[in-house]
Amino acid sequence: MNCVKRLGQGLMARDFDRQLAELQVRIAVLNRYTALGIPITAPTG
């Protein structure tokens, strides 16, 4: 949740297309944070 707050609550862009692009960038950043937090498991044996 802290990452979401650092990305900002509101949108900076005024144009709708730029707002969409801004949201896509935020989603990509959050997905990257999530991917870093998921452990990689490998079968042993």
Protein backbone atom coordinates (compact mmCIF):
# COMPACT_ATOMS: atom_id res chain seq x y z
CA MET A 1 0.00 0.00 0.00
CA ASN A 2 2.93 2.29 0.63
CA CYS A 3 3.94 1.99 -3.03
CA VAL A 4 0.51 3.17 -4.13
CA LYS A 5 0.77 6.26 -1.96
CA ARG A 6 4.21 7.07 -3.35
CA LEU A 7 2.84 6.91 -6.88
CA GLY A 8 0.31 9.59 -5.99
CA GLN A 9 -3.39 9.62 -5.35
CA GLY A 10 -4.49 11.79 -8.27
CA LEU A 11 -3.59 12.02 -11.92
CA MET A 12 -1.30 14.78 -13.11
CA ALA A 13 -2.31 14.73 -16.78
CA ARG A 14 -5.35 16.65 -17.97
CA ASP A 15 -5.90 14.94 -21.32
CA PHE A 16 -7.80 11.63 -21.16
CA ASP A 17 -5.31 9.76 -23.38
CA ARG A 18 -2.42 10.92 -21.24
CA GLN A 19 -4.29 9.90 -18.10
CA LEU A 20 -4.64 6.41 -19.54
CA ALA A 21 -0.92 6.30 -20.29
CA GLU A 22 -0.14 7.51 -16.77
CA LEU A 23 -2.30 4.76 -15.27
CA GLN A 24 -0.63 2.13 -17.45
CA VAL A 25 2.79 3.25 -16.22
CA ARG A 26 1.63 3.08 -12.59
CA ILE A 27 0.21 -0.41 -13.15
CA ALA A 28 3.47 -1.54 -14.74
CA VAL A 29 5.44 -0.24 -11.75
CA LEU A 30 3.12 -1.97 -9.27
CA ASN A 31 3.32 -5.22 -11.24
CA ARG A 32 7.12 -5.01 -11.11
CA TYR A 33 7.06 -4.50 -7.34
CA THR A 34 4.74 -7.48 -7.02
CA ALA A 35 7.01 -9.63 -9.20
CA LEU A 36 10.00 -8.74 -7.04
CA GLY A 37 8.14 -9.85 -3.94
CA ILE A 38 7.09 -13.29 -5.25
CA PRO A 39 9.60 -16.01 -4.32
CA ILE A 40 10.91 -18.28 -7.04
CA THR A 41 10.44 -21.92 -6.06
CA ALA A 42 12.06 -24.90 -7.66
CA PRO A 43 11.31 -28.57 -7.09
CA THR A 44 14.02 -30.50 -5.28
CA GLY A 45 14.75 -34.15 -5.37
